[in-house]
Amino acid sequence: MGKRVVITGASRGLGRALAEALIAEGHQVAGCARGAEAVNALADQYPDHHFTAVDISNAAAVQTWSTAVLDQMGVPDLVLNNAGLVNTPAPLWQVPAAEFEAVVAVNLVGTVNVLRSFAPAMIQRGSGIFVNYSSGWGRSTSPEFAPYCATKWAIEGLTQAFAQELPPGMAAVALNPGIIHTDMLETCYGEAAASFTPIAQWVKAALPFILNLKPQDNGRSLSVPGSLS
């Protein structure tokens, strides 16, 4: 039977690729992203699913969205905290305060908002998997990306602590998706980004890997196979 899956950042990049692949396999998807135009296009393309414009850094907006998802789709089996921002490369002291705060608001606060909004129903049912997107820069560092590194290191610790709070039968994992040619990677590497794993190739490995996560994986820091270079 198909799974009920929630995906943040579903309008582009890895989130959109996974959403479309999940739908193609018969799963039910509820996705969100900030850009209303892109989300509305997805909603028109997939009217049997649930795509909504939501700023995940806004706790009240996420709560409203989650209530609608739970009413319309039911309790999710899988929550993918995929949405993320990367700062424009610069030494930390040159990153504007507003840009630093935006990266933290989406990557860290947004993840917590989603967990807070969906966890109670999943815990009450006693099953479900949370996948919080980390990064290679959540386990290592690089100059000029300190804000992004800080949020992804935080995701690793947050996920391990959250995992300890879940009842048996559930799991939370921190997932490094790998190095994939996306718009975000172009921000980091410029033209060199094109030499890394294409999204279409990545999703073929990522989708079965994510769908096969089990309660036994609770608290683990994992990486999608074959996408680290």
N, C-alpha and C. Protein backbone atom coordinates (compact mmCIF):
# COMPACT_ATOMS: atom_id res chain seq x y z
N MET A 1 0.83 -1.20 0.00
CA MET A 1 0.00 0.00 0.00
C MET A 1 0.87 1.25 0.00
N GLY A 2 0.36 2.32 -0.60
CA GLY A 2 1.12 3.55 -0.66
C GLY A 2 1.23 4.23 0.69
N LYS A 3 2.27 5.02 0.84
CA LYS A 3 2.49 5.77 2.07
C LYS A 3 1.93 7.18 1.93
N ARG A 4 1.66 7.79 3.07
CA ARG A 4 1.28 9.21 3.11
C ARG A 4 2.52 9.98 3.52
N VAL A 5 2.95 10.89 2.64
CA VAL A 5 4.25 11.54 2.80
C VAL A 5 4.09 13.06 2.80
N VAL A 6 4.73 13.70 3.76
CA VAL A 6 4.81 15.15 3.83
C VAL A 6 6.21 15.58 3.40
N ILE A 7 6.29 16.56 2.51
CA ILE A 7 7.58 17.06 2.03
C ILE A 7 7.58 18.58 2.07
N THR A 8 8.57 19.16 2.74
CA THR A 8 8.75 20.60 2.67
C THR A 8 9.72 20.93 1.54
N GLY A 9 9.61 22.15 1.02
CA GLY A 9 10.46 22.54 -0.10
C GLY A 9 10.17 21.70 -1.33
N ALA A 10 8.87 21.47 -1.60
CA ALA A 10 8.47 20.52 -2.63
C ALA A 10 8.39 21.10 -4.04
N SER A 11 8.64 22.39 -4.20
CA SER A 11 8.40 23.01 -5.50
C SER A 11 9.60 23.00 -6.44
N ARG A 12 10.78 22.59 -5.93
CA ARG A 12 11.97 22.63 -6.78
C ARG A 12 13.01 21.65 -6.23
N GLY A 13 14.04 21.41 -7.03
CA GLY A 13 15.18 20.64 -6.58
C GLY A 13 14.83 19.24 -6.11
N LEU A 14 15.48 18.83 -5.02
CA LEU A 14 15.31 17.48 -4.51
C LEU A 14 13.87 17.23 -4.04
N GLY A 15 13.25 18.23 -3.44
CA GLY A 15 11.89 18.06 -2.94
C GLY A 15 10.91 17.76 -4.06
N ARG A 16 11.01 18.50 -5.14
CA ARG A 16 10.10 18.27 -6.26
C ARG A 16 10.36 16.92 -6.91
N ALA A 17 11.63 16.58 -7.07
CA ALA A 17 11.97 15.30 -7.68
C ALA A 17 11.40 14.14 -6.86
N LEU A 18 11.53 14.23 -5.55
CA LEU A 18 10.99 13.17 -4.69
C LEU A 18 9.46 13.17 -4.71
N ALA A 19 8.84 14.34 -4.68
CA ALA A 19 7.39 14.41 -4.71
C ALA A 19 6.85 13.75 -5.96
N GLU A 20 7.43 14.07 -7.10
CA GLU A 20 6.94 13.50 -8.36
C GLU A 20 7.20 12.01 -8.44
N ALA A 21 8.34 11.57 -7.93
CA ALA A 21 8.65 10.14 -7.94
C ALA A 21 7.72 9.37 -7.01
N LEU A 22 7.42 9.94 -5.85
CA LEU A 22 6.49 9.30 -4.92
C LEU A 22 5.10 9.18 -5.53
N ILE A 23 4.64 10.24 -6.16
CA ILE A 23 3.32 10.22 -6.79
C ILE A 23 3.29 9.16 -7.89
N ALA A 24 4.36 9.08 -8.68
CA ALA A 24 4.42 8.09 -9.76
C ALA A 24 4.34 6.67 -9.23
N GLU A 25 4.81 6.44 -8.01
CA GLU A 25 4.77 5.11 -7.41
C GLU A 25 3.49 4.83 -6.63
N GLY A 26 2.58 5.80 -6.61
CA GLY A 26 1.29 5.56 -5.98
C GLY A 26 1.18 6.01 -4.54
N HIS A 27 2.12 6.80 -4.07
CA HIS A 27 2.05 7.31 -2.70
C HIS A 27 1.25 8.62 -2.68
N GLN A 28 0.74 8.97 -1.52
CA GLN A 28 -0.02 10.21 -1.35
C GLN A 28 0.91 11.28 -0.79
N VAL A 29 0.95 12.44 -1.42
CA VAL A 29 1.92 13.47 -1.06
C VAL A 29 1.22 14.76 -0.63
N ALA A 30 1.70 15.32 0.46
CA ALA A 30 1.34 16.68 0.88
C ALA A 30 2.63 17.48 0.91
N GLY A 31 2.75 18.46 0.04
CA GLY A 31 3.98 19.23 -0.05
C GLY A 31 3.74 20.70 0.16
N CYS A 32 4.79 21.38 0.59
CA CYS A 32 4.69 22.83 0.74
C CYS A 32 5.97 23.48 0.25
N ALA A 33 5.87 24.75 -0.04
CA ALA A 33 7.01 25.60 -0.39
C ALA A 33 6.56 27.04 -0.25
N ARG A 34 7.52 27.95 -0.27
CA ARG A 34 7.16 29.35 -0.06
C ARG A 34 6.57 30.01 -1.30
N GLY A 35 7.04 29.59 -2.48
CA GLY A 35 6.63 30.25 -3.72
C GLY A 35 5.24 29.84 -4.16
N ALA A 36 4.27 30.75 -4.06
CA ALA A 36 2.89 30.40 -4.35
C ALA A 36 2.70 29.99 -5.81
N GLU A 37 3.37 30.64 -6.72
CA GLU A 37 3.18 30.32 -8.14
C GLU A 37 3.60 28.89 -8.45
N ALA A 38 4.77 28.50 -7.97
CA ALA A 38 5.26 27.15 -8.22
C ALA A 38 4.39 26.11 -7.53
N VAL A 39 3.96 26.40 -6.31
CA VAL A 39 3.12 25.45 -5.57
C VAL A 39 1.76 25.31 -6.24
N ASN A 40 1.20 26.40 -6.71
CA ASN A 40 -0.09 26.34 -7.39
C ASN A 40 0.00 25.52 -8.68
N ALA A 41 1.14 25.62 -9.36
CA ALA A 41 1.34 24.82 -10.57
C ALA A 41 1.37 23.34 -10.23
N LEU A 42 2.01 22.99 -9.12
CA LEU A 42 2.03 21.59 -8.68
C LEU A 42 0.63 21.12 -8.32
N ALA A 43 -0.11 21.98 -7.62
CA ALA A 43 -1.47 21.62 -7.23
C ALA A 43 -2.35 21.38 -8.45
N ASP A 44 -2.16 22.18 -9.49
CA ASP A 44 -2.94 22.00 -10.72
C ASP A 44 -2.52 20.71 -11.43
N GLN A 45 -1.23 20.40 -11.39
CA GLN A 45 -0.71 19.21 -12.06
C GLN A 45 -1.12 17.93 -11.35
N TYR A 46 -1.21 18.01 -10.00
CA TYR A 46 -1.52 16.82 -9.20
C TYR A 46 -2.72 17.13 -8.28
N PRO A 47 -3.92 17.22 -8.85
CA PRO A 47 -5.08 17.63 -8.06
C PRO A 47 -5.49 16.64 -6.97
N ASP A 48 -5.03 15.40 -7.06
CA ASP A 48 -5.38 14.40 -6.05
C ASP A 48 -4.43 14.41 -4.86
N HIS A 49 -3.49 15.35 -4.86
CA HIS A 49 -2.53 15.47 -3.77
C HIS A 49 -2.70 16.85 -3.12
N HIS A 50 -1.81 17.20 -2.22
CA HIS A 50 -2.04 18.40 -1.40
C HIS A 50 -0.78 19.28 -1.43
N PHE A 51 -0.79 20.31 -2.25
CA PHE A 51 0.34 21.24 -2.34
C PHE A 51 -0.12 22.63 -1.93
N THR A 52 0.62 23.22 -0.98
CA THR A 52 0.20 24.47 -0.35
C THR A 52 1.40 25.39 -0.20
N ALA A 53 1.18 26.69 -0.41
CA ALA A 53 2.23 27.68 -0.17
C ALA A 53 2.32 27.95 1.33
N VAL A 54 3.47 27.63 1.91
CA VAL A 54 3.68 27.81 3.36
C VAL A 54 5.12 28.25 3.59
N ASP A 55 5.29 29.23 4.44
CA ASP A 55 6.61 29.63 4.92
C ASP A 55 6.85 28.86 6.21
N ILE A 56 7.72 27.84 6.16
CA ILE A 56 7.88 26.97 7.32
C ILE A 56 8.54 27.68 8.51
N SER A 57 9.12 28.86 8.29
CA SER A 57 9.68 29.60 9.41
C SER A 57 8.60 30.26 10.27
N ASN A 58 7.36 30.23 9.77
CA ASN A 58 6.21 30.81 10.48
C ASN A 58 5.45 29.68 11.19
N ALA A 59 5.60 29.60 12.50
CA ALA A 59 5.03 28.49 13.26
C ALA A 59 3.52 28.40 13.10
N ALA A 60 2.82 29.54 13.13
CA ALA A 60 1.37 29.53 13.01
C ALA A 60 0.93 29.03 11.64
N ALA A 61 1.66 29.43 10.60
CA ALA A 61 1.33 28.98 9.25
C ALA A 61 1.53 27.48 9.11
N VAL A 62 2.59 26.96 9.70
CA VAL A 62 2.84 25.52 9.63
C VAL A 62 1.76 24.76 10.38
N GLN A 63 1.34 25.27 11.53
CA GLN A 63 0.29 24.61 12.30
C GLN A 63 -1.01 24.56 11.52
N THR A 64 -1.35 25.65 10.86
CA THR A 64 -2.57 25.69 10.04
C THR A 64 -2.48 24.69 8.91
N TRP A 65 -1.31 24.65 8.25
CA TRP A 65 -1.11 23.70 7.15
C TRP A 65 -1.21 22.26 7.64
N SER A 66 -0.56 21.95 8.75
CA SER A 66 -0.57 20.57 9.24
C SER A 66 -1.98 20.13 9.61
N THR A 67 -2.78 21.04 10.17
CA THR A 67 -4.16 20.70 10.51
C THR A 67 -4.94 20.32 9.26
N ALA A 68 -4.74 21.08 8.18
CA ALA A 68 -5.42 20.78 6.92
C ALA A 68 -4.94 19.45 6.33
N VAL A 69 -3.63 19.19 6.41
CA VAL A 69 -3.08 17.93 5.89
C VAL A 69 -3.64 16.75 6.66
N LEU A 70 -3.66 16.84 7.97
CA LEU A 70 -4.18 15.75 8.79
C LEU A 70 -5.66 15.51 8.51
N ASP A 71 -6.41 16.56 8.28
CA ASP A 71 -7.83 16.42 7.98
C ASP A 71 -8.05 15.80 6.60
N GLN A 72 -7.26 16.22 5.62
CA GLN A 72 -7.50 15.82 4.23
C GLN A 72 -6.79 14.52 3.85
N MET A 73 -5.58 14.31 4.37
CA MET A 73 -4.80 13.15 3.97
C MET A 73 -4.71 12.10 5.06
N GLY A 74 -4.81 12.52 6.29
CA GLY A 74 -4.61 11.61 7.41
C GLY A 74 -3.21 11.75 7.98
N VAL A 75 -2.92 10.96 8.96
CA VAL A 75 -1.62 11.03 9.64
C VAL A 75 -0.52 10.52 8.70
N PRO A 76 0.54 11.29 8.50
CA PRO A 76 1.59 10.85 7.57
C PRO A 76 2.39 9.67 8.12
N ASP A 77 2.90 8.88 7.18
CA ASP A 77 3.81 7.80 7.52
C ASP A 77 5.26 8.27 7.49
N LEU A 78 5.49 9.34 6.72
CA LEU A 78 6.85 9.81 6.47
C LEU A 78 6.83 11.32 6.35
N VAL A 79 7.69 11.99 7.10
CA VAL A 79 7.83 13.45 7.02
C VAL A 79 9.25 13.76 6.58
N LEU A 80 9.38 14.44 5.44
CA LEU A 80 10.68 14.78 4.89
C LEU A 80 10.93 16.27 5.06
N ASN A 81 11.77 16.63 6.00
CA ASN A 81 12.13 18.03 6.22
C ASN A 81 13.26 18.40 5.26
N ASN A 82 12.87 18.71 4.04
CA ASN A 82 13.80 18.94 2.94
C ASN A 82 14.11 20.42 2.70
N ALA A 83 13.19 21.31 3.02
CA ALA A 83 13.36 22.72 2.69
C ALA A 83 14.63 23.29 3.31
N GLY A 84 15.35 24.09 2.54
CA GLY A 84 16.59 24.67 3.07
C GLY A 84 17.06 25.86 2.27
N LEU A 85 17.85 26.69 2.95
CA LEU A 85 18.50 27.84 2.32
C LEU A 85 20.00 27.74 2.56
N VAL A 86 20.78 28.26 1.63
CA VAL A 86 22.22 28.40 1.82
C VAL A 86 22.57 29.88 1.68
N ASN A 87 23.52 30.33 2.46
CA ASN A 87 23.93 31.73 2.37
C ASN A 87 24.79 31.96 1.13
N THR A 88 24.82 33.20 0.68
CA THR A 88 25.75 33.60 -0.37
C THR A 88 27.16 33.48 0.20
N PRO A 89 28.09 32.83 -0.52
CA PRO A 89 29.43 32.62 0.05
C PRO A 89 30.07 33.92 0.52
N ALA A 90 30.52 33.91 1.76
CA ALA A 90 31.17 35.09 2.34
C ALA A 90 31.73 34.72 3.70
N PRO A 91 32.81 35.39 4.13
CA PRO A 91 33.26 35.21 5.52
C PRO A 91 32.13 35.53 6.48
N LEU A 92 32.09 34.85 7.59
CA LEU A 92 30.97 35.00 8.52
C LEU A 92 30.69 36.45 8.88
N TRP A 93 31.75 37.24 9.11
CA TRP A 93 31.53 38.62 9.55
C TRP A 93 30.97 39.51 8.44
N GLN A 94 30.98 39.01 7.21
CA GLN A 94 30.41 39.78 6.11
C GLN A 94 29.00 39.34 5.73
N VAL A 95 28.51 38.28 6.35
CA VAL A 95 27.14 37.82 6.07
C VAL A 95 26.17 38.75 6.78
N PRO A 96 25.27 39.41 6.05
CA PRO A 96 24.33 40.33 6.70
C PRO A 96 23.48 39.60 7.74
N ALA A 97 23.13 40.31 8.79
CA ALA A 97 22.34 39.71 9.86
C ALA A 97 21.04 39.11 9.34
N ALA A 98 20.38 39.81 8.44
CA ALA A 98 19.10 39.31 7.91
C ALA A 98 19.28 38.01 7.14
N GLU A 99 20.39 37.90 6.42
CA GLU A 99 20.63 36.67 5.66
C GLU A 99 20.94 35.51 6.61
N PHE A 100 21.76 35.76 7.62
CA PHE A 100 22.04 34.72 8.61
C PHE A 100 20.75 34.24 9.27
N GLU A 101 19.92 35.18 9.67
CA GLU A 101 18.67 34.83 10.35
C GLU A 101 17.73 34.07 9.44
N ALA A 102 17.73 34.38 8.15
CA ALA A 102 16.87 33.67 7.21
C ALA A 102 17.28 32.22 7.06
N VAL A 103 18.60 31.97 7.00
CA VAL A 103 19.10 30.60 6.90
C VAL A 103 18.71 29.80 8.14
N VAL A 104 18.89 30.39 9.31
CA VAL A 104 18.52 29.72 10.55
C VAL A 104 17.00 29.50 10.62
N ALA A 105 16.24 30.50 10.18
CA ALA A 105 14.78 30.42 10.27
C ALA A 105 14.22 29.27 9.45
N VAL A 106 14.76 29.05 8.27
CA VAL A 106 14.25 27.97 7.42
C VAL A 106 14.86 26.63 7.82
N ASN A 107 16.19 26.56 7.88
CA ASN A 107 16.87 25.28 8.06
C ASN A 107 16.65 24.66 9.43
N LEU A 108 16.61 25.49 10.45
CA LEU A 108 16.51 24.97 11.81
C LEU A 108 15.12 25.21 12.41
N VAL A 109 14.71 26.47 12.49
CA VAL A 109 13.41 26.78 13.09
C VAL A 109 12.29 26.14 12.27
N GLY A 110 12.40 26.19 10.95
CA GLY A 110 11.38 25.59 10.10
C GLY A 110 11.24 24.09 10.33
N THR A 111 12.37 23.42 10.48
CA THR A 111 12.34 21.98 10.77
C THR A 111 11.61 21.72 12.07
N VAL A 112 11.92 22.50 13.10
CA VAL A 112 11.27 22.32 14.39
C VAL A 112 9.77 22.59 14.27
N ASN A 113 9.39 23.62 13.53
CA ASN A 113 7.97 23.92 13.36
C ASN A 113 7.21 22.74 12.75
N VAL A 114 7.83 22.09 11.77
CA VAL A 114 7.19 20.94 11.14
C VAL A 114 7.11 19.76 12.11
N LEU A 115 8.19 19.50 12.82
CA LEU A 115 8.16 18.41 13.80
C LEU A 115 7.08 18.66 14.85
N ARG A 116 7.03 19.88 15.35
CA ARG A 116 6.05 20.22 16.38
C ARG A 116 4.62 20.01 15.90
N SER A 117 4.40 20.27 14.62
CA SER A 117 3.04 20.24 14.09
C SER A 117 2.57 18.83 13.72
N PHE A 118 3.47 17.94 13.32
CA PHE A 118 3.06 16.61 12.88
C PHE A 118 3.36 15.51 13.91
N ALA A 119 4.32 15.73 14.78
CA ALA A 119 4.72 14.67 15.72
C ALA A 119 3.59 14.19 16.63
N PRO A 120 2.78 15.08 17.21
CA PRO A 120 1.77 14.58 18.15
C PRO A 120 0.84 13.53 17.55
N ALA A 121 0.34 13.76 16.34
CA ALA A 121 -0.57 12.80 15.71
C ALA A 121 0.14 11.50 15.38
N MET A 122 1.39 11.59 14.95
CA MET A 122 2.14 10.38 14.62
C MET A 122 2.48 9.59 15.88
N ILE A 123 2.82 10.30 16.95
CA ILE A 123 3.11 9.63 18.22
C ILE A 123 1.85 8.97 18.78
N GLN A 124 0.72 9.64 18.67
CA GLN A 124 -0.54 9.06 19.14
C GLN A 124 -0.85 7.77 18.40
N ARG A 125 -0.56 7.74 17.09
CA ARG A 125 -0.78 6.52 16.31
C ARG A 125 0.28 5.47 16.62
N GLY A 126 1.49 5.93 16.98
CA GLY A 126 2.56 5.01 17.35
C GLY A 126 3.44 4.55 16.22
N SER A 127 3.43 5.30 15.10
CA SER A 127 4.30 4.92 13.99
C SER A 127 4.60 6.12 13.13
N GLY A 128 5.68 6.04 12.37
CA GLY A 128 6.06 7.11 11.46
C GLY A 128 7.55 7.38 11.50
N ILE A 129 8.04 7.90 10.39
CA ILE A 129 9.46 8.19 10.23
C ILE A 129 9.63 9.67 9.91
N PHE A 130 10.57 10.32 10.61
CA PHE A 130 10.95 11.70 10.32
C PHE A 130 12.34 11.71 9.70
N VAL A 131 12.48 12.39 8.58
CA VAL A 131 13.79 12.52 7.92
C VAL A 131 14.14 14.00 7.89
N ASN A 132 15.12 14.38 8.68
CA ASN A 132 15.57 15.77 8.73
C ASN A 132 16.82 15.90 7.86
N TYR A 133 16.73 16.73 6.83
CA TYR A 133 17.84 16.82 5.90
C TYR A 133 19.03 17.54 6.52
N SER A 134 20.12 16.83 6.59
CA SER A 134 21.39 17.38 7.02
C SER A 134 22.21 17.70 5.77
N SER A 135 23.50 17.46 5.83
CA SER A 135 24.38 17.79 4.71
C SER A 135 25.76 17.24 5.04
N GLY A 136 26.61 17.13 4.02
CA GLY A 136 28.02 16.88 4.31
C GLY A 136 28.58 17.97 5.20
N TRP A 137 28.00 19.18 5.08
CA TRP A 137 28.41 20.30 5.91
C TRP A 137 27.69 20.31 7.24
N GLY A 138 26.98 19.23 7.56
CA GLY A 138 26.48 19.02 8.91
C GLY A 138 27.38 18.09 9.69
N ARG A 139 28.43 17.59 8.98
CA ARG A 139 29.39 16.67 9.60
C ARG A 139 30.82 17.10 9.31
N SER A 140 30.97 18.17 8.56
CA SER A 140 32.26 18.78 8.27
C SER A 140 31.99 20.28 8.11
N THR A 141 33.00 21.05 7.72
CA THR A 141 32.79 22.49 7.55
C THR A 141 33.50 22.98 6.29
N SER A 142 33.15 24.19 5.90
CA SER A 142 33.79 24.82 4.75
C SER A 142 33.77 26.33 4.96
N PRO A 143 34.85 27.02 4.59
CA PRO A 143 34.85 28.47 4.74
C PRO A 143 33.79 29.11 3.86
N GLU A 144 33.27 30.22 4.32
CA GLU A 144 32.30 31.06 3.64
C GLU A 144 30.88 30.49 3.66
N PHE A 145 30.69 29.37 4.37
CA PHE A 145 29.35 28.82 4.51
C PHE A 145 29.03 28.54 5.98
N ALA A 146 29.58 29.36 6.86
CA ALA A 146 29.38 29.15 8.30
C ALA A 146 27.91 29.12 8.70
N PRO A 147 27.05 30.03 8.20
CA PRO A 147 25.63 29.97 8.61
C PRO A 147 24.99 28.64 8.24
N TYR A 148 25.22 28.19 7.01
CA TYR A 148 24.64 26.92 6.57
C TYR A 148 25.20 25.76 7.38
N CYS A 149 26.51 25.73 7.57
CA CYS A 149 27.12 24.67 8.37
C CYS A 149 26.54 24.64 9.78
N ALA A 150 26.37 25.81 10.37
CA ALA A 150 25.84 25.88 11.74
C ALA A 150 24.46 25.24 11.83
N THR A 151 23.61 25.52 10.83
CA THR A 151 22.25 24.96 10.89
C THR A 151 22.26 23.45 10.68
N LYS A 152 23.13 22.97 9.82
CA LYS A 152 23.13 21.53 9.55
C LYS A 152 23.78 20.74 10.68
N TRP A 153 24.79 21.30 11.33
CA TRP A 153 25.31 20.67 12.55
C TRP A 153 24.20 20.65 13.61
N ALA A 154 23.43 21.71 13.68
CA ALA A 154 22.33 21.75 14.64
C ALA A 154 21.29 20.68 14.33
N ILE A 155 21.00 20.45 13.06
CA ILE A 155 20.04 19.41 12.68
C ILE A 155 20.51 18.05 13.16
N GLU A 156 21.81 17.78 13.10
CA GLU A 156 22.33 16.50 13.56
C GLU A 156 22.03 16.30 15.06
N GLY A 157 22.35 17.30 15.86
CA GLY A 157 22.10 17.19 17.30
C GLY A 157 20.63 17.18 17.64
N LEU A 158 19.88 18.05 16.99
CA LEU A 158 18.44 18.11 17.19
C LEU A 158 17.80 16.75 16.92
N THR A 159 18.18 16.13 15.81
CA THR A 159 17.58 14.86 15.41
C THR A 159 17.90 13.76 16.40
N GLN A 160 19.14 13.72 16.88
CA GLN A 160 19.50 12.68 17.84
C GLN A 160 18.72 12.84 19.15
N ALA A 161 18.57 14.07 19.61
CA ALA A 161 17.81 14.30 20.84
C ALA A 161 16.33 13.98 20.64
N PHE A 162 15.77 14.43 19.52
CA PHE A 162 14.37 14.16 19.20
C PHE A 162 14.12 12.66 19.09
N ALA A 163 15.08 11.94 18.49
CA ALA A 163 14.94 10.49 18.35
C ALA A 163 14.80 9.80 19.71
N GLN A 164 15.51 10.32 20.72
CA GLN A 164 15.45 9.73 22.06
C GLN A 164 14.09 9.96 22.73
N GLU A 165 13.34 10.92 22.21
CA GLU A 165 12.03 11.24 22.78
C GLU A 165 10.89 10.45 22.15
N LEU A 166 11.16 9.79 21.02
CA LEU A 166 10.10 9.07 20.31
C LEU A 166 9.84 7.71 20.94
N PRO A 167 8.60 7.23 20.87
CA PRO A 167 8.28 5.91 21.40
C PRO A 167 8.78 4.81 20.46
N PRO A 168 8.84 3.58 20.93
CA PRO A 168 9.19 2.45 20.05
C PRO A 168 8.25 2.40 18.84
N GLY A 169 8.79 1.99 17.71
CA GLY A 169 7.98 1.91 16.50
C GLY A 169 8.10 3.12 15.61
N MET A 170 8.85 4.14 16.08
CA MET A 170 9.03 5.36 15.30
C MET A 170 10.52 5.62 15.12
N ALA A 171 10.84 6.57 14.23
CA ALA A 171 12.24 6.90 14.02
C ALA A 171 12.38 8.33 13.52
N ALA A 172 13.50 8.94 13.90
CA ALA A 172 13.95 10.21 13.32
C ALA A 172 15.40 10.02 12.90
N VAL A 173 15.71 10.39 11.67
CA VAL A 173 17.08 10.26 11.17
C VAL A 173 17.52 11.58 10.57
N ALA A 174 18.81 11.83 10.64
CA ALA A 174 19.42 12.96 9.92
C ALA A 174 20.00 12.40 8.63
N LEU A 175 19.60 12.95 7.51
CA LEU A 175 20.00 12.40 6.22
C LEU A 175 20.83 13.39 5.43
N ASN A 176 22.03 12.97 5.07
CA ASN A 176 22.85 13.72 4.13
C ASN A 176 22.45 13.25 2.74
N PRO A 177 21.79 14.10 1.93
CA PRO A 177 21.35 13.65 0.61
C PRO A 177 22.49 13.41 -0.36
N GLY A 178 23.66 14.01 -0.08
CA GLY A 178 24.79 13.90 -0.99
C GLY A 178 25.04 15.20 -1.71
N ILE A 179 25.89 15.16 -2.71
CA ILE A 179 26.23 16.35 -3.49
C ILE A 179 25.55 16.22 -4.84
N ILE A 180 24.47 16.97 -5.02
CA ILE A 180 23.63 16.83 -6.20
C ILE A 180 23.58 18.17 -6.93
N HIS A 181 23.52 18.09 -8.25
CA HIS A 181 23.48 19.31 -9.06
C HIS A 181 22.11 19.97 -8.95
N THR A 182 22.02 20.95 -8.06
CA THR A 182 20.80 21.73 -7.86
C THR A 182 21.15 23.22 -7.94
N ASP A 183 20.12 24.06 -7.93
CA ASP A 183 20.35 25.51 -7.90
C ASP A 183 21.16 25.89 -6.66
N MET A 184 20.88 25.23 -5.53
CA MET A 184 21.60 25.53 -4.31
C MET A 184 23.09 25.21 -4.47
N LEU A 185 23.39 24.08 -5.12
CA LEU A 185 24.79 23.71 -5.30
C LEU A 185 25.49 24.70 -6.22
N GLU A 186 24.77 25.26 -7.17
CA GLU A 186 25.37 26.28 -8.05
C GLU A 186 25.74 27.53 -7.25
N THR A 187 24.95 27.83 -6.21
CA THR A 187 25.31 28.94 -5.33
C THR A 187 26.64 28.68 -4.65
N CYS A 188 26.86 27.40 -4.31
CA CYS A 188 28.08 27.03 -3.59
C CYS A 188 29.29 26.89 -4.52
N TYR A 189 29.09 26.21 -5.66
CA TYR A 189 30.22 25.79 -6.50
C TYR A 189 30.26 26.45 -7.87
N GLY A 190 29.25 27.25 -8.20
CA GLY A 190 29.23 27.87 -9.52
C GLY A 190 29.11 26.83 -10.62
N GLU A 191 29.82 27.03 -11.71
CA GLU A 191 29.72 26.13 -12.86
C GLU A 191 30.18 24.71 -12.54
N ALA A 192 31.03 24.56 -11.55
CA ALA A 192 31.51 23.22 -11.17
C ALA A 192 30.39 22.33 -10.64
N ALA A 193 29.27 22.91 -10.26
CA ALA A 193 28.16 22.12 -9.74
C ALA A 193 27.66 21.12 -10.76
N ALA A 194 27.81 21.45 -12.04
CA ALA A 194 27.30 20.56 -13.10
C ALA A 194 28.03 19.23 -13.15
N SER A 195 29.17 19.12 -12.50
CA SER A 195 29.94 17.87 -12.54
C SER A 195 29.46 16.86 -11.49
N PHE A 196 28.51 17.26 -10.64
CA PHE A 196 28.04 16.37 -9.59
C PHE A 196 26.76 15.64 -10.01
N THR A 197 26.28 14.77 -9.15
CA THR A 197 25.17 13.87 -9.46
C THR A 197 23.93 14.63 -9.95
N PRO A 198 23.39 14.28 -11.12
CA PRO A 198 22.14 14.90 -11.58
C PRO A 198 20.97 14.48 -10.69
N ILE A 199 19.97 15.36 -10.58
CA ILE A 199 18.82 15.07 -9.72
C ILE A 199 18.12 13.79 -10.15
N ALA A 200 17.93 13.60 -11.45
CA ALA A 200 17.21 12.42 -11.93
C ALA A 200 17.91 11.13 -11.53
N GLN A 201 19.23 11.17 -11.54
CA GLN A 201 20.00 9.99 -11.11
C GLN A 201 19.91 9.81 -9.59
N TRP A 202 19.98 10.92 -8.88
CA TRP A 202 19.92 10.86 -7.43
C TRP A 202 18.62 10.26 -6.94
N VAL A 203 17.50 10.67 -7.51
CA VAL A 203 16.20 10.24 -6.98
C VAL A 203 16.01 8.74 -7.14
N LYS A 204 16.65 8.13 -8.13
CA LYS A 204 16.53 6.68 -8.31
C LYS A 204 17.15 5.92 -7.14
N ALA A 205 18.18 6.49 -6.53
CA ALA A 205 18.79 5.87 -5.35
C ALA A 205 18.12 6.33 -4.07
N ALA A 206 17.75 7.62 -4.03
CA ALA A 206 17.23 8.20 -2.79
C ALA A 206 15.84 7.67 -2.44
N LEU A 207 14.97 7.53 -3.43
CA LEU A 207 13.60 7.15 -3.13
C LEU A 207 13.50 5.79 -2.44
N PRO A 208 14.07 4.72 -2.99
CA PRO A 208 13.97 3.44 -2.27
C PRO A 208 14.69 3.45 -0.93
N PHE A 209 15.79 4.20 -0.85
CA PHE A 209 16.52 4.27 0.42
C PHE A 209 15.65 4.89 1.51
N ILE A 210 14.99 5.99 1.19
CA ILE A 210 14.15 6.68 2.16
C ILE A 210 12.93 5.84 2.51
N LEU A 211 12.31 5.22 1.52
CA LEU A 211 11.11 4.42 1.78
C LEU A 211 11.41 3.18 2.61
N ASN A 212 12.65 2.75 2.60
CA ASN A 212 13.03 1.55 3.35
C ASN A 212 13.54 1.85 4.76
N LEU A 213 13.50 3.11 5.18
CA LEU A 213 13.89 3.43 6.55
C LEU A 213 12.94 2.76 7.53
N LYS A 214 13.50 2.29 8.64
CA LYS A 214 12.73 1.52 9.61
C LYS A 214 12.91 2.12 11.01
N PRO A 215 12.04 1.73 11.95
CA PRO A 215 12.22 2.19 13.34
C PRO A 215 13.61 1.89 13.90
N GLN A 216 14.22 0.81 13.41
CA GLN A 216 15.57 0.45 13.87
C GLN A 216 16.61 1.50 13.50
N ASP A 217 16.28 2.40 12.58
CA ASP A 217 17.20 3.45 12.16
C ASP A 217 17.13 4.68 13.07
N ASN A 218 16.30 4.63 14.07
CA ASN A 218 16.08 5.81 14.92
C ASN A 218 17.39 6.36 15.47
N GLY A 219 17.58 7.67 15.28
CA GLY A 219 18.75 8.36 15.82
C GLY A 219 19.99 8.29 14.96
N ARG A 220 19.92 7.61 13.83
CA ARG A 220 21.12 7.44 13.01
C ARG A 220 21.36 8.66 12.12
N SER A 221 22.62 8.89 11.78
CA SER A 221 23.03 9.86 10.78
C SER A 221 23.37 9.08 9.52
N LEU A 222 22.58 9.27 8.48
CA LEU A 222 22.68 8.44 7.28
C LEU A 222 22.99 9.30 6.06
N SER A 223 23.39 8.63 4.99
CA SER A 223 23.66 9.30 3.71
C SER A 223 23.04 8.48 2.59
N VAL A 224 22.50 9.15 1.58
CA VAL A 224 21.98 8.46 0.42
C VAL A 224 23.13 7.78 -0.31
N PRO A 225 23.04 6.49 -0.57
CA PRO A 225 24.16 5.78 -1.22
C PRO A 225 24.45 6.34 -2.61
N GLY A 226 25.73 6.42 -2.91
CA GLY A 226 26.17 6.74 -4.26
C GLY A 226 26.07 8.17 -4.68
N SER A 227 25.84 9.11 -3.74
CA SER A 227 25.65 10.50 -4.15
C SER A 227 26.57 11.45 -3.38
N LEU A 228 27.69 10.95 -2.94
CA LEU A 228 28.60 11.77 -2.14
C LEU A 228 29.71 12.38 -2.97
N SER A 229 29.69 12.16 -4.27
CA SER A 229 30.75 12.75 -5.12
C SER A 229 30.21 12.96 -6.52
